Amino acid sequence: MFGTVRGISKTTPVPGVELVEMDVRDDASVHRAIQFVIDQAGRIDVLINSAGANLIGAVEETTTDEAAALFDTNVFGIPCGRFRRCLART
C-alpha cells in the first residue's frame, strides 16, 4: 500500500504504508509518484484521493493567487484528470 504526501520529512510514518512524495498541483510530481508506484507494485488497482485545501475568510479578501491555488488543488488536480493524464503517459 502506498500513500502520497506533499512533504515526507514533515510526515509521521504509517505502519504498512510506503509514503511517496507528491503534489497534486504539479504534473511532474504526479507523474513521478505514479511511475514510482508502478515500478514498485506493477500497477495501481485503487486510488483514493484525499488531497484538499480550504480558505477561511471573506471572499472579497481572497487574492487571485489564493483562489487559483485552492482551485488547482481541489478542482484541477487529481479529481479532474491530472492523475489520468499522467497515468496515460506512464
PDB file of N, CA and C in Angstrom:
ATOM      1  N   MET A   1       0.851  -1.156   0.000  1.00  0.00           N
ATOM      2  CA  MET A   1       0.000   0.000   0.000  1.00  0.00           C
ATOM      3  C   MET A   1       0.902   1.225   0.000  1.00  0.00           C
ATOM      4  N   PHE A   2       0.504   2.219  -0.781  1.00  0.00           N
ATOM      5  CA  PHE A   2       1.252   3.458  -0.888  1.00  0.00           C
ATOM      6  C   PHE A   2       0.347   4.611  -0.474  1.00  0.00           C
ATOM      7  N   GLY A   3       0.948   5.625   0.088  1.00  0.00           N
ATOM      8  CA  GLY A   3       0.234   6.841   0.425  1.00  0.00           C
ATOM      9  C   GLY A   3       1.063   8.025  -0.025  1.00  0.00           C
ATOM     10  N   THR A   4       0.410   9.025  -0.550  1.00  0.00           N
ATOM     11  CA  THR A   4       1.150  10.198  -1.010  1.00  0.00           C
ATOM     12  C   THR A   4       1.024  11.335  -0.009  1.00  0.00           C
ATOM     13  N   VAL A   5       2.094  12.092   0.081  1.00  0.00           N
ATOM     14  CA  VAL A   5       2.149  13.259   0.961  1.00  0.00           C
ATOM     15  C   VAL A   5       2.927  14.355   0.252  1.00  0.00           C
ATOM     16  N   ARG A   6       2.630  15.605   0.592  1.00  0.00           N
ATOM     17  CA  ARG A   6       3.367  16.711  -0.025  1.00  0.00           C
ATOM     18  C   ARG A   6       4.802  16.776   0.452  1.00  0.00           C
ATOM     19  N   GLY A   7       5.050  16.437   1.698  1.00  0.00           N
ATOM     20  CA  GLY A   7       6.399  16.502   2.252  1.00  0.00           C
ATOM     21  C   GLY A   7       6.673  15.342   3.176  1.00  0.00           C
ATOM     22  N   ILE A   8       7.472  14.396   2.737  1.00  0.00           N
ATOM     23  CA  ILE A   8       7.759  13.211   3.554  1.00  0.00           C
ATOM     24  C   ILE A   8       8.453  13.591   4.854  1.00  0.00           C
ATOM     25  N   SER A   9       9.332  14.582   4.803  1.00  0.00           N
ATOM     26  CA  SER A   9      10.083  14.952   6.014  1.00  0.00           C
ATOM     27  C   SER A   9       9.173  15.492   7.119  1.00  0.00           C
ATOM     28  N   LYS A  10       7.979  15.960   6.773  1.00  0.00           N
ATOM     29  CA  LYS A  10       7.048  16.513   7.759  1.00  0.00           C
ATOM     30  C   LYS A  10       5.969  15.512   8.165  1.00  0.00           C
ATOM     31  N   THR A  11       6.094  14.270   7.702  1.00  0.00           N
ATOM     32  CA  THR A  11       5.035  13.287   7.888  1.00  0.00           C
ATOM     33  C   THR A  11       5.472  12.169   8.829  1.00  0.00           C
ATOM     34  N   THR A  12       4.574  11.757   9.680  1.00  0.00           N
ATOM     35  CA  THR A  12       4.823  10.628  10.567  1.00  0.00           C
ATOM     36  C   THR A  12       4.626   9.339   9.773  1.00  0.00           C
ATOM     37  N   PRO A  13       5.578   8.416   9.828  1.00  0.00           N
ATOM     38  CA  PRO A  13       5.409   7.143   9.117  1.00  0.00           C
ATOM     39  C   PRO A  13       4.137   6.422   9.543  1.00  0.00           C
ATOM     40  N   VAL A  14       3.558   5.704   8.590  1.00  0.00           N
ATOM     41  CA  VAL A  14       2.341   4.937   8.840  1.00  0.00           C
ATOM     42  C   VAL A  14       2.684   3.455   8.639  1.00  0.00           C
ATOM     43  N   PRO A  15       2.510   2.623   9.663  1.00  0.00           N
ATOM     44  CA  PRO A  15       2.834   1.207   9.513  1.00  0.00           C
ATOM     45  C   PRO A  15       2.081   0.577   8.334  1.00  0.00           C
ATOM     46  N   GLY A  16       2.813  -0.138   7.490  1.00  0.00           N
ATOM     47  CA  GLY A  16       2.207  -0.830   6.361  1.00  0.00           C
ATOM     48  C   GLY A  16       1.968   0.033   5.138  1.00  0.00           C
ATOM     49  N   VAL A  17       2.351   1.302   5.209  1.00  0.00           N
ATOM     50  CA  VAL A  17       2.138   2.217   4.085  1.00  0.00           C
ATOM     51  C   VAL A  17       3.479   2.811   3.680  1.00  0.00           C
ATOM     52  N   GLU A  18       3.819   2.662   2.397  1.00  0.00           N
ATOM     53  CA  GLU A  18       5.030   3.300   1.884  1.00  0.00           C
ATOM     54  C   GLU A  18       4.649   4.687   1.397  1.00  0.00           C
ATOM     55  N   LEU A  19       5.239   5.695   2.010  1.00  0.00           N
ATOM     56  CA  LEU A  19       4.905   7.072   1.658  1.00  0.00           C
ATOM     57  C   LEU A  19       5.685   7.513   0.428  1.00  0.00           C
ATOM     58  N   VAL A  20       4.995   8.202  -0.457  1.00  0.00           N
ATOM     59  CA  VAL A  20       5.559   8.707  -1.700  1.00  0.00           C
ATOM     60  C   VAL A  20       5.262  10.201  -1.754  1.00  0.00           C
ATOM     61  N   GLU A  21       6.279  10.997  -2.023  1.00  0.00           N
ATOM     62  CA  GLU A  21       6.072  12.441  -2.094  1.00  0.00           C
ATOM     63  C   GLU A  21       5.386  12.810  -3.407  1.00  0.00           C
ATOM     64  N   MET A  22       4.311  13.610  -3.316  1.00  0.00           N
ATOM     65  CA  MET A  22       3.564  14.030  -4.500  1.00  0.00           C
ATOM     66  C   MET A  22       2.769  15.291  -4.185  1.00  0.00           C
ATOM     67  N   ASP A  23       2.784  16.229  -5.118  1.00  0.00           N
ATOM     68  CA  ASP A  23       1.972  17.438  -5.026  1.00  0.00           C
ATOM     69  C   ASP A  23       0.947  17.366  -6.147  1.00  0.00           C
ATOM     70  N   VAL A  24      -0.339  17.270  -5.822  1.00  0.00           N
ATOM     71  CA  VAL A  24      -1.381  17.115  -6.839  1.00  0.00           C
ATOM     72  C   VAL A  24      -1.473  18.306  -7.778  1.00  0.00           C
ATOM     73  N   ARG A  25      -0.833  19.426  -7.439  1.00  0.00           N
ATOM     74  CA  ARG A  25      -0.855  20.615  -8.300  1.00  0.00           C
ATOM     75  C   ARG A  25       0.250  20.613  -9.342  1.00  0.00           C
ATOM     76  N   ASP A  26       1.095  19.606  -9.325  1.00  0.00           N
ATOM     77  CA  ASP A  26       2.277  19.583 -10.191  1.00  0.00           C
ATOM     78  C   ASP A  26       2.294  18.297 -11.020  1.00  0.00           C
ATOM     79  N   ASP A  27       2.066  18.421 -12.341  1.00  0.00           N
ATOM     80  CA  ASP A  27       2.024  17.243 -13.215  1.00  0.00           C
ATOM     81  C   ASP A  27       3.279  16.391 -13.092  1.00  0.00           C
ATOM     82  N   ALA A  28       4.459  17.018 -13.051  1.00  0.00           N
ATOM     83  CA  ALA A  28       5.714  16.259 -12.967  1.00  0.00           C
ATOM     84  C   ALA A  28       5.775  15.457 -11.668  1.00  0.00           C
ATOM     85  N   SER A  29       5.322  16.048 -10.581  1.00  0.00           N
ATOM     86  CA  SER A  29       5.310  15.365  -9.292  1.00  0.00           C
ATOM     87  C   SER A  29       4.345  14.184  -9.322  1.00  0.00           C
ATOM     88  N   VAL A  30       3.174  14.383  -9.897  1.00  0.00           N
ATOM     89  CA  VAL A  30       2.186  13.303 -10.006  1.00  0.00           C
ATOM     90  C   VAL A  30       2.753  12.185 -10.870  1.00  0.00           C
ATOM     91  N   HIS A  31       3.364  12.546 -11.992  1.00  0.00           N
ATOM     92  CA  HIS A  31       3.937  11.540 -12.890  1.00  0.00           C
ATOM     93  C   HIS A  31       5.030  10.729 -12.179  1.00  0.00           C
ATOM     94  N   ARG A  32       5.920  11.400 -11.440  1.00  0.00           N
ATOM     95  CA  ARG A  32       6.985  10.696 -10.707  1.00  0.00           C
ATOM     96  C   ARG A  32       6.398   9.719  -9.690  1.00  0.00           C
ATOM     97  N   ALA A  33       5.375  10.161  -8.968  1.00  0.00           N
ATOM     98  CA  ALA A  33       4.757   9.298  -7.955  1.00  0.00           C
ATOM     99  C   ALA A  33       4.087   8.087  -8.596  1.00  0.00           C
ATOM    100  N   ILE A  34       3.363   8.320  -9.683  1.00  0.00           N
ATOM    101  CA  ILE A  34       2.714   7.216 -10.396  1.00  0.00           C
ATOM    102  C   ILE A  34       3.764   6.225 -10.891  1.00  0.00           C
ATOM    103  N   GLN A  35       4.821   6.742 -11.487  1.00  0.00           N
ATOM    104  CA  GLN A  35       5.863   5.876 -12.019  1.00  0.00           C
ATOM    105  C   GLN A  35       6.520   5.071 -10.904  1.00  0.00           C
ATOM    106  N   PHE A  36       6.763   5.700  -9.759  1.00  0.00           N
ATOM    107  CA  PHE A  36       7.355   5.006  -8.625  1.00  0.00           C
ATOM    108  C   PHE A  36       6.475   3.842  -8.175  1.00  0.00           C
ATOM    109  N   VAL A  37       5.176   4.110  -8.028  1.00  0.00           N
ATOM    110  CA  VAL A  37       4.258   3.059  -7.566  1.00  0.00           C
ATOM    111  C   VAL A  37       4.193   1.923  -8.584  1.00  0.00           C
ATOM    112  N   ILE A  38       4.107   2.262  -9.857  1.00  0.00           N
ATOM    113  CA  ILE A  38       4.054   1.221 -10.887  1.00  0.00           C
ATOM    114  C   ILE A  38       5.355   0.431 -10.922  1.00  0.00           C
ATOM    115  N   ASP A  39       6.484   1.109 -10.776  1.00  0.00           N
ATOM    116  CA  ASP A  39       7.773   0.404 -10.739  1.00  0.00           C
ATOM    117  C   ASP A  39       7.839  -0.555  -9.557  1.00  0.00           C
ATOM    118  N   GLN A  40       7.268  -0.166  -8.418  1.00  0.00           N
ATOM    119  CA  GLN A  40       7.322  -0.996  -7.216  1.00  0.00           C
ATOM    120  C   GLN A  40       6.264  -2.096  -7.204  1.00  0.00           C
ATOM    121  N   ALA A  41       5.044  -1.760  -7.629  1.00  0.00           N
ATOM    122  CA  ALA A  41       3.914  -2.688  -7.482  1.00  0.00           C
ATOM    123  C   ALA A  41       3.426  -3.280  -8.805  1.00  0.00           C
ATOM    124  N   GLY A  42       3.832  -2.691  -9.912  1.00  0.00           N
ATOM    125  CA  GLY A  42       3.407  -3.201 -11.205  1.00  0.00           C
ATOM    126  C   GLY A  42       2.136  -2.586 -11.752  1.00  0.00           C
ATOM    127  N   ARG A  43       1.311  -2.036 -10.875  1.00  0.00           N
ATOM    128  CA  ARG A  43       0.052  -1.431 -11.310  1.00  0.00           C
ATOM    129  C   ARG A  43      -0.570  -0.657 -10.149  1.00  0.00           C
ATOM    130  N   ILE A  44      -1.587   0.109 -10.467  1.00  0.00           N
ATOM    131  CA  ILE A  44      -2.387   0.796  -9.453  1.00  0.00           C
ATOM    132  C   ILE A  44      -3.796   0.243  -9.573  1.00  0.00           C
ATOM    133  N   ASP A  45      -4.244  -0.431  -8.527  1.00  0.00           N
ATOM    134  CA  ASP A  45      -5.582  -1.033  -8.539  1.00  0.00           C
ATOM    135  C   ASP A  45      -6.655  -0.066  -8.056  1.00  0.00           C
ATOM    136  N   VAL A  46      -6.341   0.688  -7.019  1.00  0.00           N
ATOM    137  CA  VAL A  46      -7.326   1.575  -6.409  1.00  0.00           C
ATOM    138  C   VAL A  46      -6.639   2.889  -6.060  1.00  0.00           C
ATOM    139  N   LEU A  47      -7.336   3.984  -6.319  1.00  0.00           N
ATOM    140  CA  LEU A  47      -6.839   5.303  -5.939  1.00  0.00           C
ATOM    141  C   LEU A  47      -7.893   5.975  -5.073  1.00  0.00           C
ATOM    142  N   ILE A  48      -7.472   6.406  -3.901  1.00  0.00           N
ATOM    143  CA  ILE A  48      -8.346   7.178  -3.019  1.00  0.00           C
ATOM    144  C   ILE A  48      -7.689   8.537  -2.854  1.00  0.00           C
ATOM    145  N   ASN A  49      -8.380   9.579  -3.273  1.00  0.00           N
ATOM    146  CA  ASN A  49      -7.836  10.926  -3.200  1.00  0.00           C
ATOM    147  C   ASN A  49      -8.393  11.653  -1.986  1.00  0.00           C
ATOM    148  N   SER A  50      -7.506  12.134  -1.153  1.00  0.00           N
ATOM    149  CA  SER A  50      -7.952  12.932  -0.013  1.00  0.00           C
ATOM    150  C   SER A  50      -7.241  14.281   0.014  1.00  0.00           C
ATOM    151  N   ALA A  51      -6.605  14.637  -1.101  1.00  0.00           N
ATOM    152  CA  ALA A  51      -5.947  15.937  -1.168  1.00  0.00           C
ATOM    153  C   ALA A  51      -7.016  17.021  -1.158  1.00  0.00           C
ATOM    154  N   GLY A  52      -6.740  18.083  -0.472  1.00  0.00           N
ATOM    155  CA  GLY A  52      -7.693  19.179  -0.444  1.00  0.00           C
ATOM    156  C   GLY A  52      -7.161  20.332   0.375  1.00  0.00           C
ATOM    157  N   ALA A  53      -7.730  21.468   0.130  1.00  0.00           N
ATOM    158  CA  ALA A  53      -7.343  22.680   0.854  1.00  0.00           C
ATOM    159  C   ALA A  53      -8.588  23.514   1.080  1.00  0.00           C
ATOM    160  N   ASN A  54      -8.496  24.454   1.995  1.00  0.00           N
ATOM    161  CA  ASN A  54      -9.617  25.366   2.215  1.00  0.00           C
ATOM    162  C   ASN A  54      -9.105  26.761   2.528  1.00  0.00           C
ATOM    163  N   LEU A  55      -9.984  27.700   2.404  1.00  0.00           N
ATOM    164  CA  LEU A  55      -9.698  29.088   2.786  1.00  0.00           C
ATOM    165  C   LEU A  55     -10.794  29.524   3.743  1.00  0.00           C
ATOM    166  N   ILE A  56     -10.402  30.238   4.758  1.00  0.00           N
ATOM    167  CA  ILE A  56     -11.372  30.752   5.718  1.00  0.00           C
ATOM    168  C   ILE A  56     -11.297  32.266   5.656  1.00  0.00           C
ATOM    169  N   GLY A  57     -12.426  32.890   5.466  1.00  0.00           N
ATOM    170  CA  GLY A  57     -12.468  34.343   5.411  1.00  0.00           C
ATOM    171  C   GLY A  57     -13.428  34.812   4.339  1.00  0.00           C
ATOM    172  N   ALA A  58     -13.516  36.102   4.217  1.00  0.00           N
ATOM    173  CA  ALA A  58     -14.425  36.708   3.251  1.00  0.00           C
ATOM    174  C   ALA A  58     -13.870  36.572   1.835  1.00  0.00           C
ATOM    175  N   VAL A  59     -14.748  36.309   0.894  1.00  0.00           N
ATOM    176  CA  VAL A  59     -14.336  36.145  -0.498  1.00  0.00           C
ATOM    177  C   VAL A  59     -13.627  37.395  -0.999  1.00  0.00           C
ATOM    178  N   GLU A  60     -14.129  38.557  -0.627  1.00  0.00           N
ATOM    179  CA  GLU A  60     -13.526  39.801  -1.120  1.00  0.00           C
ATOM    180  C   GLU A  60     -12.116  40.037  -0.580  1.00  0.00           C
ATOM    181  N   GLU A  61     -11.725  39.287   0.438  1.00  0.00           N
ATOM    182  CA  GLU A  61     -10.372  39.400   0.977  1.00  0.00           C
ATOM    183  C   GLU A  61      -9.436  38.326   0.418  1.00  0.00           C
ATOM    184  N   THR A  62      -9.955  37.441  -0.417  1.00  0.00           N
ATOM    185  CA  THR A  62      -9.163  36.376  -1.023  1.00  0.00           C
ATOM    186  C   THR A  62      -8.462  36.902  -2.260  1.00  0.00           C
ATOM    187  N   THR A  63      -7.158  36.687  -2.340  1.00  0.00           N
ATOM    188  CA  THR A  63      -6.419  37.133  -3.520  1.00  0.00           C
ATOM    189  C   THR A  63      -6.647  36.157  -4.674  1.00  0.00           C
ATOM    190  N   THR A  64      -6.376  36.618  -5.870  1.00  0.00           N
ATOM    191  CA  THR A  64      -6.498  35.763  -7.049  1.00  0.00           C
ATOM    192  C   THR A  64      -5.563  34.566  -6.933  1.00  0.00           C
ATOM    193  N   ASP A  65      -4.343  34.786  -6.434  1.00  0.00           N
ATOM    194  CA  ASP A  65      -3.399  33.673  -6.270  1.00  0.00           C
ATOM    195  C   ASP A  65      -3.910  32.637  -5.273  1.00  0.00           C
ATOM    196  N   GLU A  66      -4.507  33.082  -4.168  1.00  0.00           N
ATOM    197  CA  GLU A  66      -5.058  32.145  -3.187  1.00  0.00           C
ATOM    198  C   GLU A  66      -6.196  31.328  -3.793  1.00  0.00           C
ATOM    199  N   ALA A  67      -7.088  31.995  -4.520  1.00  0.00           N
ATOM    200  CA  ALA A  67      -8.205  31.295  -5.149  1.00  0.00           C
ATOM    201  C   ALA A  67      -7.705  30.311  -6.207  1.00  0.00           C
ATOM    202  N   ALA A  68      -6.714  30.719  -6.990  1.00  0.00           N
ATOM    203  CA  ALA A  68      -6.162  29.838  -8.028  1.00  0.00           C
ATOM    204  C   ALA A  68      -5.516  28.599  -7.405  1.00  0.00           C
ATOM    205  N   ALA A  69      -4.770  28.786  -6.316  1.00  0.00           N
ATOM    206  CA  ALA A  69      -4.130  27.646  -5.644  1.00  0.00           C
ATOM    207  C   ALA A  69      -5.185  26.690  -5.087  1.00  0.00           C
ATOM    208  N   LEU A  70      -6.251  27.237  -4.538  1.00  0.00           N
ATOM    209  CA  LEU A  70      -7.339  26.416  -3.999  1.00  0.00           C
ATOM    210  C   LEU A  70      -7.988  25.589  -5.109  1.00  0.00           C
ATOM    211  N   PHE A  71      -8.318  26.242  -6.228  1.00  0.00           N
ATOM    212  CA  PHE A  71      -8.929  25.525  -7.342  1.00  0.00           C
ATOM    213  C   PHE A  71      -7.967  24.521  -7.960  1.00  0.00           C
ATOM    214  N   ASP A  72      -6.683  24.860  -8.019  1.00  0.00           N
ATOM    215  CA  ASP A  72      -5.711  23.944  -8.604  1.00  0.00           C
ATOM    216  C   ASP A  72      -5.637  22.649  -7.796  1.00  0.00           C
ATOM    217  N   THR A  73      -5.725  22.748  -6.493  1.00  0.00           N
ATOM    218  CA  THR A  73      -5.696  21.562  -5.642  1.00  0.00           C
ATOM    219  C   THR A  73      -7.025  20.816  -5.667  1.00  0.00           C
ATOM    220  N   ASN A  74      -8.109  21.519  -5.429  1.00  0.00           N
ATOM    221  CA  ASN A  74      -9.406  20.880  -5.212  1.00  0.00           C
ATOM    222  C   ASN A  74     -10.184  20.556  -6.484  1.00  0.00           C
ATOM    223  N   VAL A  75      -9.927  21.267  -7.571  1.00  0.00           N
ATOM    224  CA  VAL A  75     -10.719  21.087  -8.786  1.00  0.00           C
ATOM    225  C   VAL A  75      -9.882  20.548  -9.939  1.00  0.00           C
ATOM    226  N   PHE A  76      -8.741  21.167 -10.194  1.00  0.00           N
ATOM    227  CA  PHE A  76      -7.957  20.795 -11.368  1.00  0.00           C
ATOM    228  C   PHE A  76      -6.931  19.711 -11.097  1.00  0.00           C
ATOM    229  N   GLY A  77      -6.739  19.336  -9.855  1.00  0.00           N
ATOM    230  CA  GLY A  77      -5.778  18.294  -9.502  1.00  0.00           C
ATOM    231  C   GLY A  77      -6.282  16.923  -9.908  1.00  0.00           C
ATOM    232  N   ILE A  78      -6.080  15.951  -9.093  1.00  0.00           N
ATOM    233  CA  ILE A  78      -6.438  14.569  -9.404  1.00  0.00           C
ATOM    234  C   ILE A  78      -7.909  14.406  -9.799  1.00  0.00           C
ATOM    235  N   PRO A  79      -8.868  15.058  -9.136  1.00  0.00           N
ATOM    236  CA  PRO A  79     -10.265  14.794  -9.488  1.00  0.00           C
ATOM    237  C   PRO A  79     -10.609  15.093 -10.940  1.00  0.00           C
ATOM    238  N   CYS A  80      -9.953  16.077 -11.544  1.00  0.00           N
ATOM    239  CA  CYS A  80     -10.325  16.475 -12.910  1.00  0.00           C
ATOM    240  C   CYS A  80      -9.382  15.966 -13.979  1.00  0.00           C
ATOM    241  N   GLY A  81      -8.491  15.081 -13.660  1.00  0.00           N
ATOM    242  CA  GLY A  81      -7.750  14.474 -14.736  1.00  0.00           C
ATOM    243  C   GLY A  81      -6.242  14.521 -14.674  1.00  0.00           C
ATOM    244  N   ARG A  82      -5.650  15.255 -13.745  1.00  0.00           N
ATOM    245  CA  ARG A  82      -4.192  15.281 -13.690  1.00  0.00           C
ATOM    246  C   ARG A  82      -3.650  13.862 -13.522  1.00  0.00           C
ATOM    247  N   PHE A  83      -4.285  13.087 -12.675  1.00  0.00           N
ATOM    248  CA  PHE A  83      -3.860  11.703 -12.469  1.00  0.00           C
ATOM    249  C   PHE A  83      -4.011  10.906 -13.760  1.00  0.00           C
ATOM    250  N   ARG A  84      -5.172  11.042 -14.430  1.00  0.00           N
ATOM    251  CA  ARG A  84      -5.414  10.288 -15.663  1.00  0.00           C
ATOM    252  C   ARG A  84      -4.430  10.683 -16.756  1.00  0.00           C
ATOM    253  N   ARG A  85      -4.131  11.976 -16.884  1.00  0.00           N
ATOM    254  CA  ARG A  85      -3.172  12.428 -17.904  1.00  0.00           C
ATOM    255  C   ARG A  85      -1.802  11.839 -17.638  1.00  0.00           C
ATOM    256  N   CYS A  86      -1.379  11.891 -16.393  1.00  0.00           N
ATOM    257  CA  CYS A  86      -0.043  11.391 -16.042  1.00  0.00           C
ATOM    258  C   CYS A  86       0.017   9.878 -16.165  1.00  0.00           C
ATOM    259  N   LEU A  87      -1.036   9.192 -15.787  1.00  0.00           N
ATOM    260  CA  LEU A  87      -1.059   7.728 -15.897  1.00  0.00           C
ATOM    261  C   LEU A  87      -0.998   7.311 -17.360  1.00  0.00           C
ATOM    262  N   ALA A  88      -1.666   8.043 -18.221  1.00  0.00           N
ATOM    263  CA  ALA A  88      -1.668   7.718 -19.645  1.00  0.00           C
ATOM    264  C   ALA A  88      -0.267   7.818 -20.245  1.00  0.00           C
ATOM    265  N   ARG A  89       0.584   8.690 -19.690  1.00  0.00           N
ATOM    266  CA  ARG A  89       1.956   8.856 -20.208  1.00  0.00           C
ATOM    267  C   ARG A  89       2.894   7.814 -19.644  1.00  0.00           C
ATOM    268  N   THR A  90       2.456   7.043 -18.655  1.00  0.00           N
ATOM    269  CA  THR A  90       3.317   6.059 -17.999  1.00  0.00           C
ATOM    270  C   THR A  90       3.333   4.758 -18.783  1.00  0.00           C
TER     271      THR A  90
END
